[in-house]
């Protein structure tokens, strides 16, 4: 598969671009901030890709900031879990107090074609079968995506050696523990994990080395 990431300048959020191979239909995942639409378009043009969908793992602004210019610019649908959709219009609800004053001075709009996701929803794009895995904890609507049982877009649920924070307004430590037990640990060792921040990893490596997962296996 064709897999590449562009880390956005703010918070180094990975914007993943994925296709069966160069020259085919692709998905754009978590385009961050500031507006990185020009950089993503350059990658798409260079590899002769055709965007057909934008996926959002959760509603934090560092994962959604550029989704409207990209989705509307390409005329494609954006997918986000129903529990986090409200944050596209009012991101203040998902962020700490240090953000709220700045965000109150900005206007936000969701992409023209925004669609709700639920756990287990299946998207079929060319030769990619994408399954939504509702994984609350970091936010109430956090969602991971499995692609062809080969890739896992883990958002801010699972990182290399760590997990997402749970202390922001829509986060929950209890929900994160449940997600790790019921959504992450049962996954196949062979899955290649593409996180929202930092380097990629695998479920096998994290099962053996991630302290948060090791603690749950004791």
C-alpha atoms as a PDB file:
ATOM      1  CA  UNK A   1       0.000   0.000   0.000  1.00  0.00           C
ATOM      2  CA  UNK A   2       0.957   3.633  -0.440  1.00  0.00           C
ATOM      3  CA  UNK A   3       1.329   5.203   3.024  1.00  0.00           C
ATOM      4  CA  UNK A   4       2.886   8.551   3.818  1.00  0.00           C
ATOM      5  CA  UNK A   5       2.538  11.132   6.568  1.00  0.00           C
ATOM      6  CA  UNK A   6       2.969  14.881   6.761  1.00  0.00           C
ATOM      7  CA  UNK A   7       3.486  16.080  10.360  1.00  0.00           C
ATOM      8  CA  UNK A   8       1.674  19.399  10.762  1.00  0.00           C
ATOM      9  CA  UNK A   9       3.845  22.236  12.148  1.00  0.00           C
ATOM     10  CA  UNK A  10       1.729  22.666  15.294  1.00  0.00           C
ATOM     11  CA  UNK A  11       1.855  19.690  17.667  1.00  0.00           C
ATOM     12  CA  UNK A  12       3.438  17.497  14.942  1.00  0.00           C
ATOM     13  CA  UNK A  13       0.112  15.811  14.219  1.00  0.00           C
ATOM     14  CA  UNK A  14       0.501  13.130  11.558  1.00  0.00           C
ATOM     15  CA  UNK A  15      -1.688  13.705   8.524  1.00  0.00           C
ATOM     16  CA  UNK A  16      -1.745  10.298   6.847  1.00  0.00           C
ATOM     17  CA  UNK A  17      -2.345   9.858   3.122  1.00  0.00           C
ATOM     18  CA  UNK A  18      -3.159   6.265   2.182  1.00  0.00           C
ATOM     19  CA  UNK A  19      -3.934   4.513  -1.101  1.00  0.00           C
ATOM     20  CA  UNK A  20      -3.695   1.046  -2.569  1.00  0.00           C
ATOM     21  CA  UNK A  21      -0.717   2.375  -4.518  1.00  0.00           C
ATOM     22  CA  UNK A  22       0.472   5.582  -6.157  1.00  0.00           C
ATOM     23  CA  UNK A  23      -1.876   6.761  -8.890  1.00  0.00           C
ATOM     24  CA  UNK A  24      -5.030   5.454  -7.179  1.00  0.00           C
ATOM     25  CA  UNK A  25      -7.819   6.755  -4.964  1.00  0.00           C
ATOM     26  CA  UNK A  26      -6.644   7.853  -1.534  1.00  0.00           C
ATOM     27  CA  UNK A  27      -7.913   8.898   1.868  1.00  0.00           C
ATOM     28  CA  UNK A  28      -6.676  11.857   3.907  1.00  0.00           C
ATOM     29  CA  UNK A  29      -6.564  11.354   7.676  1.00  0.00           C
ATOM     30  CA  UNK A  30      -6.361  14.041  10.381  1.00  0.00           C
ATOM     31  CA  UNK A  31      -5.127  17.127   8.499  1.00  0.00           C
ATOM     32  CA  UNK A  32      -3.844  19.398  11.250  1.00  0.00           C
ATOM     33  CA  UNK A  33      -2.835  22.967  11.962  1.00  0.00           C
ATOM     34  CA  UNK A  34      -2.153  25.569  10.780  1.00  0.00           C
ATOM     35  CA  UNK A  35      -3.701  25.165   7.317  1.00  0.00           C
ATOM     36  CA  UNK A  36      -1.634  22.416   5.635  1.00  0.00           C
ATOM     37  CA  UNK A  37      -3.895  21.971   2.618  1.00  0.00           C
ATOM     38  CA  UNK A  38      -1.231  23.203   0.184  1.00  0.00           C
ATOM     39  CA  UNK A  39       1.359  20.736   1.495  1.00  0.00           C
ATOM     40  CA  UNK A  40      -1.097  17.848   1.311  1.00  0.00           C
ATOM     41  CA  UNK A  41      -2.140  18.826  -2.203  1.00  0.00           C
ATOM     42  CA  UNK A  42       1.526  18.802  -3.268  1.00  0.00           C
ATOM     43  CA  UNK A  43       1.929  15.216  -1.994  1.00  0.00           C
ATOM     44  CA  UNK A  44      -1.281  14.169  -3.737  1.00  0.00           C
ATOM     45  CA  UNK A  45      -0.257  15.770  -7.030  1.00  0.00           C
ATOM     46  CA  UNK A  46       3.264  14.330  -6.916  1.00  0.00           C
ATOM     47  CA  UNK A  47       1.913  10.798  -6.509  1.00  0.00           C
ATOM     48  CA  UNK A  48      -1.028  11.233  -8.918  1.00  0.00           C
ATOM     49  CA  UNK A  49      -3.543  10.364  -6.223  1.00  0.00           C
ATOM     50  CA  UNK A  50      -7.287  11.026  -6.227  1.00  0.00           C
ATOM     51  CA  UNK A  51      -8.720  11.918  -2.787  1.00  0.00           C
ATOM     52  CA  UNK A  52     -12.103  10.302  -2.167  1.00  0.00           C
ATOM     53  CA  UNK A  53     -12.608  10.718   1.598  1.00  0.00           C
ATOM     54  CA  UNK A  54     -11.267  12.469   4.687  1.00  0.00           C
ATOM     55  CA  UNK A  55     -11.212  10.538   7.962  1.00  0.00           C
ATOM     56  CA  UNK A  56     -11.018  12.226  11.349  1.00  0.00           C
ATOM     57  CA  UNK A  57      -9.961  10.145  14.345  1.00  0.00           C
ATOM     58  CA  UNK A  58     -11.290  12.666  16.880  1.00  0.00           C
ATOM     59  CA  UNK A  59     -12.404  16.252  17.264  1.00  0.00           C
ATOM     60  CA  UNK A  60      -9.311  17.977  18.634  1.00  0.00           C
ATOM     61  CA  UNK A  61      -8.338  20.970  16.526  1.00  0.00           C
ATOM     62  CA  UNK A  62      -4.815  19.736  15.836  1.00  0.00           C
ATOM     63  CA  UNK A  63      -6.437  16.843  13.927  1.00  0.00           C
ATOM     64  CA  UNK A  64      -9.241  18.757  12.189  1.00  0.00           C
ATOM     65  CA  UNK A  65      -8.005  22.260  11.377  1.00  0.00           C
ATOM     66  CA  UNK A  66      -7.359  21.660   7.661  1.00  0.00           C
ATOM     67  CA  UNK A  67     -10.157  19.210   6.939  1.00  0.00           C
ATOM     68  CA  UNK A  68     -12.616  21.796   5.589  1.00  0.00           C
ATOM     69  CA  UNK A  69     -10.313  23.352   2.952  1.00  0.00           C
ATOM     70  CA  UNK A  70      -9.162  19.913   1.836  1.00  0.00           C
ATOM     71  CA  UNK A  71     -12.540  18.163   1.822  1.00  0.00           C
ATOM     72  CA  UNK A  72     -14.395  21.066   0.236  1.00  0.00           C
ATOM     73  CA  UNK A  73     -11.546  21.734  -2.172  1.00  0.00           C
ATOM     74  CA  UNK A  74     -11.661  18.167  -3.485  1.00  0.00           C
ATOM     75  CA  UNK A  75     -15.444  17.830  -3.104  1.00  0.00           C
ATOM     76  CA  UNK A  76     -15.157  14.764  -0.864  1.00  0.00           C
ATOM     77  CA  UNK A  77     -16.967  13.544   2.250  1.00  0.00           C
ATOM     78  CA  UNK A  78     -15.498  13.842   5.747  1.00  0.00           C
ATOM     79  CA  UNK A  79     -16.156  11.126   8.319  1.00  0.00           C
ATOM     80  CA  UNK A  80     -16.107  11.609  12.096  1.00  0.00           C
ATOM     81  CA  UNK A  81     -17.745   9.732  14.967  1.00  0.00           C
ATOM     82  CA  UNK A  82     -21.111  11.208  15.901  1.00  0.00           C
ATOM     83  CA  UNK A  83     -19.907  11.810  19.490  1.00  0.00           C
ATOM     84  CA  UNK A  84     -17.182  14.227  18.316  1.00  0.00           C
ATOM     85  CA  UNK A  85     -18.936  15.939  15.419  1.00  0.00           C
ATOM     86  CA  UNK A  86     -19.952  18.911  17.576  1.00  0.00           C
ATOM     87  CA  UNK A  87     -16.276  19.833  17.983  1.00  0.00           C
ATOM     88  CA  UNK A  88     -15.979  20.682  14.292  1.00  0.00           C
ATOM     89  CA  UNK A  89     -18.160  23.723  15.005  1.00  0.00           C
ATOM     90  CA  UNK A  90     -17.234  24.311  18.648  1.00  0.00           C
ATOM     91  CA  UNK A  91     -13.760  22.931  19.360  1.00  0.00           C
ATOM     92  CA  UNK A  92     -13.741  24.764  22.693  1.00  0.00           C
ATOM     93  CA  UNK A  93     -15.719  21.893  24.184  1.00  0.00           C
ATOM     94  CA  UNK A  94     -12.863  19.435  23.749  1.00  0.00           C
ATOM     95  CA  UNK A  95      -9.913  21.606  24.798  1.00  0.00           C
ATOM     96  CA  UNK A  96      -8.409  22.919  27.996  1.00  0.00           C
ATOM     97  CA  UNK A  97      -8.859  26.450  29.297  1.00  0.00           C
ATOM     98  CA  UNK A  98      -5.619  27.658  27.704  1.00  0.00           C
ATOM     99  CA  UNK A  99      -7.263  27.300  24.274  1.00  0.00           C
ATOM    100  CA  UNK A 100     -10.724  28.646  24.942  1.00  0.00           C
ATOM    101  CA  UNK A 101     -10.024  32.400  24.813  1.00  0.00           C
ATOM    102  CA  UNK A 102      -8.213  32.097  21.480  1.00  0.00           C
ATOM    103  CA  UNK A 103     -10.851  29.794  19.996  1.00  0.00           C
ATOM    104  CA  UNK A 104     -13.723  32.043  21.046  1.00  0.00           C
ATOM    105  CA  UNK A 105     -12.372  34.673  18.655  1.00  0.00           C
ATOM    106  CA  UNK A 106     -12.448  32.290  15.671  1.00  0.00           C
ATOM    107  CA  UNK A 107     -15.288  31.034  13.505  1.00  0.00           C
ATOM    108  CA  UNK A 108     -15.434  27.342  12.606  1.00  0.00           C
ATOM    109  CA  UNK A 109     -17.453  25.501   9.991  1.00  0.00           C
ATOM    110  CA  UNK A 110     -17.661  21.796   9.275  1.00  0.00           C
ATOM    111  CA  UNK A 111     -16.997  20.499   5.753  1.00  0.00           C
ATOM    112  CA  UNK A 112     -19.937  20.707   3.364  1.00  0.00           C
ATOM    113  CA  UNK A 113     -20.322  16.908   3.280  1.00  0.00           C
ATOM    114  CA  UNK A 114     -19.791  15.681   6.835  1.00  0.00           C
ATOM    115  CA  UNK A 115     -20.960  12.202   7.769  1.00  0.00           C
ATOM    116  CA  UNK A 116     -21.407  10.520  11.137  1.00  0.00           C
ATOM    117  CA  UNK A 117     -19.619   7.293  11.975  1.00  0.00           C
ATOM    118  CA  UNK A 118     -20.600   4.590  14.441  1.00  0.00           C
ATOM    119  CA  UNK A 119     -18.606   1.634  15.747  1.00  0.00           C
ATOM    120  CA  UNK A 120     -18.298  -1.081  13.118  1.00  0.00           C
ATOM    121  CA  UNK A 121     -19.140   1.101  10.130  1.00  0.00           C
ATOM    122  CA  UNK A 122     -17.417  -0.134   6.965  1.00  0.00           C
ATOM    123  CA  UNK A 123     -16.143   2.116   4.185  1.00  0.00           C
ATOM    124  CA  UNK A 124     -15.051   0.456   0.947  1.00  0.00           C
ATOM    125  CA  UNK A 125     -12.740   2.555  -1.214  1.00  0.00           C
ATOM    126  CA  UNK A 126     -11.260   0.862  -4.254  1.00  0.00           C
ATOM    127  CA  UNK A 127      -9.314  -2.030  -2.695  1.00  0.00           C
ATOM    128  CA  UNK A 128      -9.386  -0.624   0.839  1.00  0.00           C
ATOM    129  CA  UNK A 129     -11.867  -1.927   3.395  1.00  0.00           C
ATOM    130  CA  UNK A 130     -11.896   0.544   6.272  1.00  0.00           C
ATOM    131  CA  UNK A 131     -13.572  -0.361   9.564  1.00  0.00           C
ATOM    132  CA  UNK A 132     -14.387   2.249  12.223  1.00  0.00           C
ATOM    133  CA  UNK A 133     -13.501   1.204  15.785  1.00  0.00           C
ATOM    134  CA  UNK A 134     -15.050   3.501  18.403  1.00  0.00           C
ATOM    135  CA  UNK A 135     -12.338   3.945  21.047  1.00  0.00           C
ATOM    136  CA  UNK A 136     -13.340   6.560  23.658  1.00  0.00           C
ATOM    137  CA  UNK A 137     -10.986   7.811  26.337  1.00  0.00           C
ATOM    138  CA  UNK A 138      -8.937  10.556  24.725  1.00  0.00           C
ATOM    139  CA  UNK A 139     -12.248  12.062  23.589  1.00  0.00           C
ATOM    140  CA  UNK A 140     -15.732  10.633  23.791  1.00  0.00           C
ATOM    141  CA  UNK A 141     -15.841  10.001  20.045  1.00  0.00           C
ATOM    142  CA  UNK A 142     -12.260   8.894  19.430  1.00  0.00           C
ATOM    143  CA  UNK A 143     -12.163   6.367  16.612  1.00  0.00           C
ATOM    144  CA  UNK A 144      -9.470   4.079  15.253  1.00  0.00           C
ATOM    145  CA  UNK A 145      -9.634   2.766  11.700  1.00  0.00           C
ATOM    146  CA  UNK A 146      -8.541  -0.665  10.519  1.00  0.00           C
ATOM    147  CA  UNK A 147      -7.629  -0.942   6.841  1.00  0.00           C
ATOM    148  CA  UNK A 148      -7.645  -4.398   5.214  1.00  0.00           C
ATOM    149  CA  UNK A 149      -6.535  -5.931   8.529  1.00  0.00           C
ATOM    150  CA  UNK A 150      -3.092  -4.532   7.683  1.00  0.00           C
ATOM    151  CA  UNK A 151      -3.050  -0.976   9.014  1.00  0.00           C
ATOM    152  CA  UNK A 152      -4.452   0.637  12.147  1.00  0.00           C
ATOM    153  CA  UNK A 153      -4.952   4.391  12.244  1.00  0.00           C
ATOM    154  CA  UNK A 154      -4.855   4.795  16.005  1.00  0.00           C
ATOM    155  CA  UNK A 155      -5.273   8.569  16.323  1.00  0.00           C
ATOM    156  CA  UNK A 156      -4.477   9.662  19.866  1.00  0.00           C
ATOM    157  CA  UNK A 157      -5.535   6.352  21.421  1.00  0.00           C
ATOM    158  CA  UNK A 158      -2.268   4.444  20.995  1.00  0.00           C
ATOM    159  CA  UNK A 159       1.234   5.787  20.380  1.00  0.00           C
ATOM    160  CA  UNK A 160       4.618   4.109  20.158  1.00  0.00           C
ATOM    161  CA  UNK A 161       5.305   3.427  23.832  1.00  0.00           C
ATOM    162  CA  UNK A 162       2.410   5.447  25.182  1.00  0.00           C
ATOM    163  CA  UNK A 163      -1.304   6.291  24.999  1.00  0.00           C
ATOM    164  CA  UNK A 164      -3.350   9.468  24.621  1.00  0.00           C
ATOM    165  CA  UNK A 165      -4.008  11.821  27.525  1.00  0.00           C
ATOM    166  CA  UNK A 166      -7.382  11.614  29.240  1.00  0.00           C
ATOM    167  CA  UNK A 167      -7.452  14.841  31.270  1.00  0.00           C
ATOM    168  CA  UNK A 168      -9.084  17.125  28.689  1.00  0.00           C
ATOM    169  CA  UNK A 169     -12.815  17.996  28.935  1.00  0.00           C
ATOM    170  CA  UNK A 170     -14.174  15.087  26.878  1.00  0.00           C
ATOM    171  CA  UNK A 171     -11.547  12.579  28.021  1.00  0.00           C
ATOM    172  CA  UNK A 172     -12.024   9.737  30.497  1.00  0.00           C
ATOM    173  CA  UNK A 173      -9.392   7.526  32.114  1.00  0.00           C
ATOM    174  CA  UNK A 174     -11.977   4.847  32.828  1.00  0.00           C
ATOM    175  CA  UNK A 175     -13.110   4.858  29.196  1.00  0.00           C
ATOM    176  CA  UNK A 176      -9.495   4.697  27.986  1.00  0.00           C
ATOM    177  CA  UNK A 177      -8.765   1.641  30.141  1.00  0.00           C
ATOM    178  CA  UNK A 178     -11.844  -0.061  28.727  1.00  0.00           C
ATOM    179  CA  UNK A 179     -10.779   0.856  25.192  1.00  0.00           C
ATOM    180  CA  UNK A 180      -7.314  -0.575  25.713  1.00  0.00           C
ATOM    181  CA  UNK A 181      -8.751  -3.806  27.124  1.00  0.00           C
ATOM    182  CA  UNK A 182     -11.572  -4.341  24.646  1.00  0.00           C
ATOM    183  CA  UNK A 183     -10.462  -2.567  21.458  1.00  0.00           C
ATOM    184  CA  UNK A 184      -6.651  -2.569  21.407  1.00  0.00           C
ATOM    185  CA  UNK A 185      -5.449  -5.728  23.159  1.00  0.00           C
ATOM    186  CA  UNK A 186      -7.608  -8.077  21.024  1.00  0.00           C
ATOM    187  CA  UNK A 187      -6.116  -6.710  17.777  1.00  0.00           C
ATOM    188  CA  UNK A 188      -3.825  -8.800  15.602  1.00  0.00           C
ATOM    189  CA  UNK A 189      -0.102  -8.631  16.338  1.00  0.00           C
ATOM    190  CA  UNK A 190       0.579  -8.066  12.652  1.00  0.00           C
ATOM    191  CA  UNK A 191      -1.218  -4.721  12.444  1.00  0.00           C
ATOM    192  CA  UNK A 192       0.987  -1.810  11.459  1.00  0.00           C
ATOM    193  CA  UNK A 193      -0.002   1.080  13.723  1.00  0.00           C
ATOM    194  CA  UNK A 194      -0.100   4.616  12.305  1.00  0.00           C
ATOM    195  CA  UNK A 195      -0.584   6.975  15.284  1.00  0.00           C
ATOM    196  CA  UNK A 196      -1.698  10.567  15.481  1.00  0.00           C
ATOM    197  CA  UNK A 197       1.717  11.693  16.713  1.00  0.00           C
ATOM    198  CA  UNK A 198       5.176  10.176  16.576  1.00  0.00           C
ATOM    199  CA  UNK A 199       6.588   7.161  14.750  1.00  0.00           C
ATOM    200  CA  UNK A 200       4.640   4.167  13.544  1.00  0.00           C
ATOM    201  CA  UNK A 201       4.735   0.904  15.448  1.00  0.00           C
ATOM    202  CA  UNK A 202       2.993  -2.487  15.541  1.00  0.00           C
ATOM    203  CA  UNK A 203       0.471  -4.084  17.861  1.00  0.00           C
ATOM    204  CA  UNK A 204       2.966  -6.864  18.586  1.00  0.00           C
ATOM    205  CA  UNK A 205       5.640  -4.400  19.720  1.00  0.00           C
ATOM    206  CA  UNK A 206       3.208  -2.378  21.832  1.00  0.00           C
ATOM    207  CA  UNK A 207       1.708  -5.473  23.436  1.00  0.00           C
ATOM    208  CA  UNK A 208       5.195  -6.444  24.625  1.00  0.00           C
ATOM    209  CA  UNK A 209       6.687  -3.020  25.362  1.00  0.00           C
ATOM    210  CA  UNK A 210       4.015  -0.383  25.968  1.00  0.00           C
ATOM    211  CA  UNK A 211       3.789   0.015  29.776  1.00  0.00           C
ATOM    212  CA  UNK A 212       0.082   0.854  29.643  1.00  0.00           C
ATOM    213  CA  UNK A 213      -0.750  -2.334  27.757  1.00  0.00           C
ATOM    214  CA  UNK A 214       1.636  -4.465  29.791  1.00  0.00           C
ATOM    215  CA  UNK A 215      -0.066  -3.315  32.991  1.00  0.00           C
ATOM    216  CA  UNK A 216      -3.446  -4.476  31.690  1.00  0.00           C
ATOM    217  CA  UNK A 217      -2.077  -7.900  30.753  1.00  0.00           C
ATOM    218  CA  UNK A 218      -0.750  -8.695  34.233  1.00  0.00           C
END
